Protein backbone atom coordinates (compact mmCIF):
# COMPACT_ATOMS: atom_id res chain seq x y z
CA MET A 1 15.38 -22.03 8.40
CA THR A 2 14.27 -21.26 4.86
CA THR A 3 14.83 -17.65 3.90
CA LYS A 4 11.17 -16.79 3.98
CA GLU A 5 11.53 -18.09 7.76
CA ILE A 6 14.92 -16.04 8.58
CA ILE A 7 13.17 -12.94 7.37
CA ASP A 8 9.82 -13.64 9.10
CA ASN A 9 11.59 -14.19 12.42
CA PHE A 10 13.93 -10.60 11.80
CA GLY A 11 10.64 -8.63 11.32
CA SER A 12 9.07 -9.82 14.23
CA VAL A 13 12.10 -8.91 16.56
CA ILE A 14 12.31 -5.72 14.75
CA GLU A 15 8.06 -5.06 15.42
CA ALA A 16 8.50 -5.86 19.14
CA GLY A 17 11.50 -3.63 19.33
CA VAL A 18 9.81 -0.23 17.93
CA ASP A 19 6.35 0.67 19.11
CA GLY A 20 3.77 0.62 16.45
CA VAL A 21 5.94 -0.99 13.79
CA LYS A 22 4.02 -3.54 11.43
CA HIS A 23 5.68 -6.45 10.09
CA ILE A 24 3.42 -8.61 7.69
CA LYS A 25 4.03 -12.19 7.52
CA GLY A 26 5.77 -13.27 4.31
CA ARG A 27 6.79 -9.77 3.30
CA THR A 28 10.42 -8.62 3.47
CA TYR A 29 9.44 -5.11 4.84
CA GLY A 30 7.54 -3.62 7.46
CA SER A 31 6.75 0.22 8.83
CA LEU A 32 5.66 2.44 11.37
CA LYS A 33 3.18 4.83 9.87
CA MET A 34 3.07 8.83 10.79
CA THR A 35 1.30 12.00 10.45
CA PRO A 36 1.38 13.65 8.52
CA ASN A 37 1.12 10.40 5.89
CA SER A 38 4.83 9.31 5.93
CA GLU A 39 6.79 5.97 7.38
CA ILE A 40 9.57 5.02 9.05
CA GLY A 41 10.18 1.60 7.13
CA TYR A 42 13.08 -0.89 6.90
CA SER A 43 13.04 -3.47 3.68
CA VAL A 44 15.44 -6.68 3.68
CA ARG A 45 17.47 -6.94 0.14
CA LYS A 46 19.87 -9.40 -1.63
CA LYS A 47 23.31 -6.99 -0.38
CA ASP A 48 21.68 -5.07 2.34
CA VAL A 49 18.72 -3.96 4.93
CA ILE A 50 17.59 -0.12 4.33
CA VAL A 51 16.18 1.59 6.85
CA GLU A 52 13.99 4.94 5.78
CA PHE A 53 11.92 7.82 6.28
CA ARG A 54 10.02 8.16 3.51
CA THR A 55 7.03 9.73 1.96
CA GLU A 56 4.98 9.47 -1.35
CA GLY A 57 4.92 13.21 -1.59
CA LYS A 58 1.32 12.94 -2.61
CA LYS A 59 -1.75 15.06 -1.73
CA ASN A 60 -2.44 14.50 2.35
CA ASN A 61 1.57 13.36 2.17
CA LEU A 62 4.10 14.78 4.08
CA PRO A 63 5.57 17.04 1.01
CA SER A 64 8.57 15.94 -0.26
CA SER A 65 10.03 19.99 -0.28
CA GLU A 66 9.37 19.68 3.65
CA LEU A 67 11.21 16.80 4.42
CA LEU A 68 14.15 17.50 2.03
CA GLU A 69 14.47 21.49 3.76
CA PHE A 70 14.19 19.93 7.35
CA VAL A 71 16.92 17.40 6.53
CA ASN A 72 19.52 20.30 4.65
CA LYS A 73 18.55 22.63 7.53
CA ASN A 74 19.65 20.20 10.29
CA LYS A 75 22.36 19.02 8.15
CA LEU A 76 21.26 15.62 8.31
CA LEU A 77 23.38 14.12 5.68
CA THR A 78 26.67 15.10 7.27
CA GLN A 79 26.97 13.27 9.78
CA PRO A 80 26.75 9.57 10.92
CA ILE A 81 23.55 7.67 11.63
CA ILE A 82 25.11 5.06 13.50
CA ASP A 83 28.98 3.61 13.57
CA ASP A 84 30.30 4.90 10.03
CA LEU A 85 27.01 4.76 8.23
CA PHE A 86 25.24 8.12 6.59
CA LEU A 87 21.89 9.12 5.67
CA GLU A 88 21.50 8.85 1.94
CA VAL A 89 18.43 10.83 -0.43
CA SER A 90 17.05 8.58 -2.58
CA ILE A 91 14.06 9.91 -5.08
CA GLY A 92 11.41 7.59 -6.60
CA GLN A 93 12.12 6.09 -10.08
CA ARG A 94 8.31 6.39 -11.51
CA ASN A 95 6.77 8.58 -8.67
CA LYS A 96 9.32 11.34 -8.50
CA LEU A 97 7.33 13.04 -5.56
CA LYS A 98 8.33 9.95 -3.46
CA LEU A 99 11.64 10.97 -1.10
CA SER A 100 13.32 8.57 1.11
CA ILE A 101 16.27 9.77 3.58
CA ASN A 102 17.94 6.26 4.46
CA VAL A 103 20.96 4.38 5.22
CA LYS A 104 21.67 0.88 4.38
CA PHE A 105 23.42 -1.98 6.13
CA PRO A 106 25.45 -4.13 4.16
CA ILE A 107 24.88 -8.05 4.23
CA ASN A 108 26.83 -11.07 3.21
CA SER A 109 23.90 -13.47 3.17
CA TYR A 110 20.00 -13.29 4.63
CA ASP A 111 21.76 -15.28 7.82
CA ASP A 112 23.16 -12.10 8.59
CA VAL A 113 19.85 -10.72 9.97
CA GLU A 114 20.11 -13.27 12.49
CA ASP A 115 22.38 -11.52 14.19
CA GLU A 116 21.68 -10.14 17.51
CA ILE A 117 24.27 -6.94 17.07
CA PHE A 118 22.93 -6.56 13.65
CA ILE A 119 19.56 -6.52 14.87
CA ASN A 120 19.80 -4.38 17.63
CA LYS A 121 21.69 -1.47 15.17
CA ILE A 122 18.15 -1.74 13.04
CA ILE A 123 16.04 -0.68 15.79
CA SER A 124 18.36 1.74 17.47
CA THR A 125 18.51 3.07 13.85
CA MET A 126 14.48 3.25 13.38
CA LEU A 127 14.23 4.59 17.15
CA LYS A 128 16.85 7.54 16.10
CA LEU A 129 14.92 8.27 12.99
CA LYS A 130 11.58 8.26 15.18
CA ASP A 131 13.36 11.13 17.14
CA LEU A 132 15.40 12.99 14.32
CA PHE A 133 12.14 13.39 12.56
CA SER A 134 9.70 14.38 15.35
CA PRO A 135 10.10 18.03 14.98
CA ILE A 136 7.93 17.31 11.48
CA ALA A 137 6.01 13.73 11.53
CA THR A 138 4.80 11.71 14.97
CA PRO A 139 3.48 8.35 15.04
CA LYS A 140 -0.02 7.63 13.93
CA PRO A 141 -1.98 7.73 17.09
CA ILE A 142 -4.33 4.48 17.76
CA ARG A 143 -7.29 4.70 15.84
CA LYS A 144 -10.77 5.96 17.49
CA THR A 145 -14.55 5.55 16.23
CA SER A 146 -14.28 8.20 13.26
CA LYS A 147 -17.77 10.37 13.07
CA PRO A 148 -19.47 10.06 9.74
CA LYS A 149 -19.10 13.40 7.44
CA ASN A 150 -23.02 13.70 6.81
CA ASN A 151 -25.93 12.22 7.88
CA ALA A 152 -27.66 12.50 4.59
CA THR A 153 -29.33 9.64 3.09
CA LEU A 154 -27.49 8.31 0.12
CA VAL A 155 -29.16 7.11 -3.44
CA LEU A 156 -27.39 3.37 -4.22
CA TRP A 157 -26.43 3.46 -7.99
CA ASP A 158 -28.16 0.72 -9.59
CA ASP A 159 -27.41 0.09 -13.47
CA ASP A 160 -31.05 -1.31 -13.83
CA ASN A 161 -32.70 1.63 -12.26
CA GLU A 162 -34.00 3.95 -15.44
CA GLU A 163 -35.13 6.38 -13.04
CA LEU A 164 -31.31 7.48 -12.09
CA ASP A 165 -29.37 10.37 -13.65
CA TYR A 166 -26.42 9.13 -15.75
CA GLU A 167 -24.27 11.81 -15.33
CA ASN A 168 -24.34 10.40 -11.58
CA HIS A 169 -23.08 6.95 -12.55
CA PRO A 170 -19.61 5.55 -10.61
CA GLU A 171 -17.90 5.96 -14.01
CA SER A 172 -18.76 8.94 -15.63
CA ILE A 173 -19.46 9.40 -19.50
CA ASN A 174 -16.52 9.38 -21.73
CA GLY A 175 -13.99 7.54 -19.32
CA ASN A 176 -13.48 10.26 -17.17
CA ASN A 177 -14.13 9.14 -13.95
CA PHE A 178 -15.03 10.75 -10.75
CA GLU A 179 -12.23 11.70 -8.51
CA LEU A 180 -13.35 10.96 -4.59
CA GLY A 181 -13.27 14.35 -3.26
CA ASP A 182 -12.83 15.60 0.62
CA SER A 183 -16.93 15.87 0.62
CA VAL A 184 -17.34 12.20 0.34
CA LYS A 185 -16.36 9.41 2.74
CA GLY A 186 -15.45 6.70 0.30
CA TYR A 187 -15.72 3.22 1.57
CA TYR A 188 -17.81 3.41 5.30
CA CYS A 189 -19.55 1.34 7.24
CA LYS A 190 -23.51 2.16 6.79
CA SER A 191 -24.76 1.30 10.45
CA CYS A 192 -22.03 3.25 12.80
CA GLY A 193 -20.70 5.68 9.59
CA GLN A 194 -16.97 5.24 10.49
CA ASN A 195 -14.61 5.23 7.24
CA GLU A 196 -11.52 4.69 8.45
CA SER A 197 -10.82 1.20 9.48
CA PHE A 198 -12.11 -2.53 8.38
CA SER A 199 -11.56 -6.35 8.42
CA GLY A 200 -12.04 -8.73 5.45
CA ASP A 201 -10.63 -9.71 2.46
CA VAL A 202 -8.83 -7.72 -0.20
CA VAL A 203 -6.90 -8.38 -3.41
CA MET A 204 -3.39 -7.09 -3.51
CA TYR A 205 -2.08 -5.82 -6.69
CA ARG A 206 1.96 -4.58 -6.53
CA TYR A 207 4.03 -3.87 -9.48
CA TYR A 208 7.83 -3.97 -9.00
CA LYS A 209 10.33 -2.42 -11.57
CA ASN A 210 14.46 -3.92 -10.83
CA ASN A 211 16.33 -0.79 -9.64
CA GLU A 212 19.90 -1.86 -11.63
CA ASP A 213 21.87 0.43 -9.50
CA GLU A 214 20.60 -1.77 -6.37
CA ASP A 215 20.08 -4.94 -7.94
CA GLU A 216 16.83 -4.78 -6.24
CA PHE A 217 13.23 -4.70 -7.05
CA ASP A 218 11.59 -1.43 -5.83
CA PHE A 219 7.64 -1.07 -6.03
CA GLU A 220 6.15 2.65 -6.42
CA GLU A 221 2.65 1.82 -6.06
CA GLU A 222 0.26 -0.98 -4.12
CA ILE A 223 -3.39 -1.24 -4.80
CA LEU A 224 -5.96 -3.17 -2.91
CA LEU A 225 -9.17 -4.06 -3.96
CA PRO A 226 -11.79 -5.20 -1.61
CA SER A 227 -13.66 -8.37 -2.01
CA GLN A 228 -15.92 -8.28 1.67
CA LEU A 229 -15.25 -5.83 4.48
CA SER A 230 -17.04 -5.50 7.86
CA CYS A 231 -16.59 -2.66 10.19
CA SER A 232 -13.87 -2.77 12.62
CA GLU A 233 -16.07 -0.53 15.38
CA CYS A 234 -19.27 -2.12 15.23
CA ASP A 235 -18.57 -5.72 12.78
CA SER A 236 -21.05 -4.51 10.51
CA GLU A 237 -20.90 -6.03 6.94
CA GLU A 238 -23.00 -3.20 5.72
CA ILE A 239 -20.11 -1.39 3.62
CA TYR A 240 -20.60 0.72 0.61
CA CYS A 241 -18.36 3.73 -1.17
CA ASN A 242 -19.97 6.81 -1.01
CA TYR A 243 -18.39 8.09 -4.49
CA LYS A 244 -20.13 11.29 -4.81
CA ASP A 245 -22.28 13.69 -2.82
CA GLY A 246 -25.35 11.75 -2.46
CA TYR A 247 -24.80 8.76 -4.07
CA GLU A 248 -23.08 5.26 -3.15
CA PHE A 249 -22.17 1.89 -4.77
CA SER A 250 -22.31 -1.21 -2.78
CA ILE A 251 -19.50 -3.66 -2.95
CA ASN A 252 -21.20 -6.88 -2.05
CA ASN A 253 -20.80 -8.18 -5.47
CA GLU A 254 -18.17 -10.85 -6.96
CA MET A 255 -15.06 -9.12 -9.63
CA ASN A 256 -15.26 -10.53 -13.07
CA GLU A 257 -18.73 -11.94 -13.10
CA GLY A 258 -20.04 -10.20 -15.83
CA THR A 259 -22.53 -7.80 -13.63
CA PRO A 260 -21.46 -4.35 -12.16
CA ALA A 261 -18.83 -4.73 -9.59
CA TYR A 262 -17.40 -1.07 -8.55
CA ARG A 263 -14.37 -0.29 -6.80
CA ALA A 264 -12.62 2.44 -5.99
CA PHE A 265 -8.93 3.34 -5.76
CA SER A 266 -6.25 6.22 -6.61
CA GLY A 267 -8.92 8.45 -5.99
CA GLN A 268 -11.21 6.87 -8.95
CA VAL A 269 -13.44 4.32 -9.62
CA HIS A 270 -13.85 1.59 -11.89
CA ASN A 271 -16.16 -0.76 -13.11
CA PHE A 272 -14.70 -4.74 -12.25
CA ALA A 273 -17.72 -6.60 -14.19
CA ASP A 274 -14.89 -7.69 -16.78
CA HIS A 275 -11.16 -7.52 -17.61
CA ASP A 276 -11.67 -3.53 -18.38
CA GLY A 277 -11.31 -2.86 -14.97
CA LEU A 278 -8.07 -5.01 -14.29
CA TYR A 279 -6.61 -3.14 -17.15
CA ALA A 280 -7.09 0.29 -15.64
CA LEU A 281 -5.55 -0.79 -12.55
CA PHE A 282 -2.44 -2.07 -14.31
CA CYS A 283 -2.49 1.27 -16.24
CA SER A 284 -2.66 3.06 -12.59
CA LEU A 285 0.28 1.02 -11.11
CA GLY A 286 2.40 1.24 -14.09
CA VAL A 287 2.77 -2.02 -16.02
CA ASN A 288 3.72 -1.89 -19.46
CA GLY A 289 5.30 -4.85 -20.23
CA LYS A 290 4.08 -8.20 -21.74
CA GLY A 291 0.02 -8.90 -20.97
CA ALA A 292 0.14 -5.22 -18.95
CA GLY A 293 -4.01 -5.30 -19.37
CA ASN A 294 -6.67 -7.30 -19.96
CA LYS A 295 -5.55 -9.82 -17.39
CA SER A 296 -7.81 -11.37 -14.64
CA TYR A 297 -6.79 -12.92 -11.24
CA GLU A 298 -7.72 -16.01 -12.50
CA ALA A 299 -5.98 -15.74 -15.96
CA ALA A 300 -2.58 -14.68 -15.28
CA SER A 301 -0.20 -16.88 -15.23
CA GLU A 302 -1.35 -18.21 -18.69
CA GLU A 303 0.52 -15.69 -20.33
CA TRP A 304 3.03 -14.61 -17.39
CA ASN A 305 5.78 -16.64 -16.00
CA TYR A 306 4.91 -17.44 -12.51
CA ILE A 307 7.88 -17.28 -9.89
CA ASP A 308 8.14 -19.78 -7.12
CA GLU A 309 7.88 -17.64 -3.48
CA GLU A 310 11.68 -18.88 -2.72
CA ASP A 311 13.45 -17.53 -6.16
CA LEU A 312 12.10 -14.27 -5.72
CA TYR A 313 15.47 -13.48 -3.57
CA GLU A 314 17.48 -14.39 -6.74
CA ILE A 315 15.42 -13.96 -9.76
CA GLU A 316 17.13 -11.58 -12.62
CA THR A 317 14.34 -9.45 -14.82
CA GLU A 318 12.77 -6.35 -15.53
CA SER A 319 9.48 -6.23 -13.82
CA LEU A 320 7.24 -8.17 -11.52
CA VAL A 321 3.80 -8.23 -10.33
CA ALA A 322 2.75 -9.57 -7.45
CA ILE A 323 -1.16 -10.79 -6.66
CA GLY A 324 -2.38 -12.08 -3.35
CA ALA A 325 -5.29 -11.94 -1.00
CA SER A 326 -4.76 -10.12 2.37
CA SER A 327 -7.14 -10.98 5.12
CA TYR A 328 -5.85 -11.03 8.77
CA GLY A 329 -4.96 -7.48 9.68
CA GLU A 330 -6.66 -4.38 10.16
CA ILE A 331 -7.33 -2.74 6.76
CA THR A 332 -7.50 1.45 6.70
CA GLN A 333 -8.66 3.82 4.34
CA GLU A 334 -6.67 7.04 3.65
CA ASP A 335 -8.96 10.02 4.03
CA GLY A 336 -12.00 8.98 2.36
CA SER A 337 -10.06 8.34 -0.98
CA GLY A 338 -10.66 4.95 -2.08
CA ASN A 339 -6.89 3.98 -1.18
CA LEU A 340 -6.77 1.01 1.52
CA PHE A 341 -4.27 -0.38 3.34
CA CYS A 342 -3.70 -3.80 4.97
CA GLU A 343 -1.75 -4.03 8.24
CA GLY A 344 -2.13 -7.71 8.54
CA GLU A 345 -0.82 -11.14 7.38
CA GLY A 346 -0.96 -11.92 3.46
CA ASN A 347 -1.89 -15.27 2.20
CA SER A 348 -2.29 -16.61 -1.48
CA CYS A 349 0.25 -14.73 -3.07
CA GLN A 350 1.24 -15.25 -6.36
CA THR A 351 4.18 -13.32 -8.26
CA PHE A 352 4.66 -13.17 -12.27
CA ASP A 353 7.31 -11.91 -14.26
CA VAL A 354 5.63 -9.38 -16.84
CA SER A 355 9.20 -8.37 -18.60
């Protein structure tokens, strides 16, 4: 089997062994979503498989301070989690609020993850983390249809409508974008009002930095932009984004086609009529290498070095950008923030060296 097939098979076995874990085909990791927002996950790397309980530590996430206090209070770092392996604490390289309580299982090659005993150790450790951290985080329940946050009629923003007040423009004056807050729905279904679960097509942007200490690539942020969404509850394709009290915009327009195409991410709204939106997106991800901005999805490969999929497991460079379409799984939104997450299979992924 190829390396990719070995890792996919490993992920499928872990998914079957730990209830609620989602493994996305073609990726080296999987996770179990927790409440408050946090995760129990695994990631297959060159020299080890890491199993961890982690939080981003941002708004609406399990606070990093609370997690660390719990770990210290219960002396979780002083006793083996399995065999002679101990839990460790890791802090995010770029997002200093990100906190990981993890254990690393050494491997000599990717063939090691096919071993049944090794797989059972990974499953056992994930289940033990689930039990250890149950006082502060529990698995997210099966989603139910959510109710609209309000039933008010929203004004559809149209750049050609001169009667609309410009202060309500999705992109506010002087580049100070609106921040999506508790009073708005973000992406939502016009037909039934729910704003949590969708299906459809999204474009994934992910930025990796080389962690020299671990000889692996770590990513701090992932941004998904919707191309086309439909409601998971009623199958309606009337999906809009409520970005401000009383106002919404449509997402049924193509990005990078010269006409207004607004999208929300990281709690803000940007226009993807041209490359300016992508510039803002790459800046939000933290890309600062060559070609950091003004690169469309189609044009990225013109200046960035394309990396073949099999070479991803051996490449040595400073930073990578992965761009791909994910379209087969459930797409969820976090608390009306415009931040989307896809829990299904990905396809058409392209990776570029942007060092």
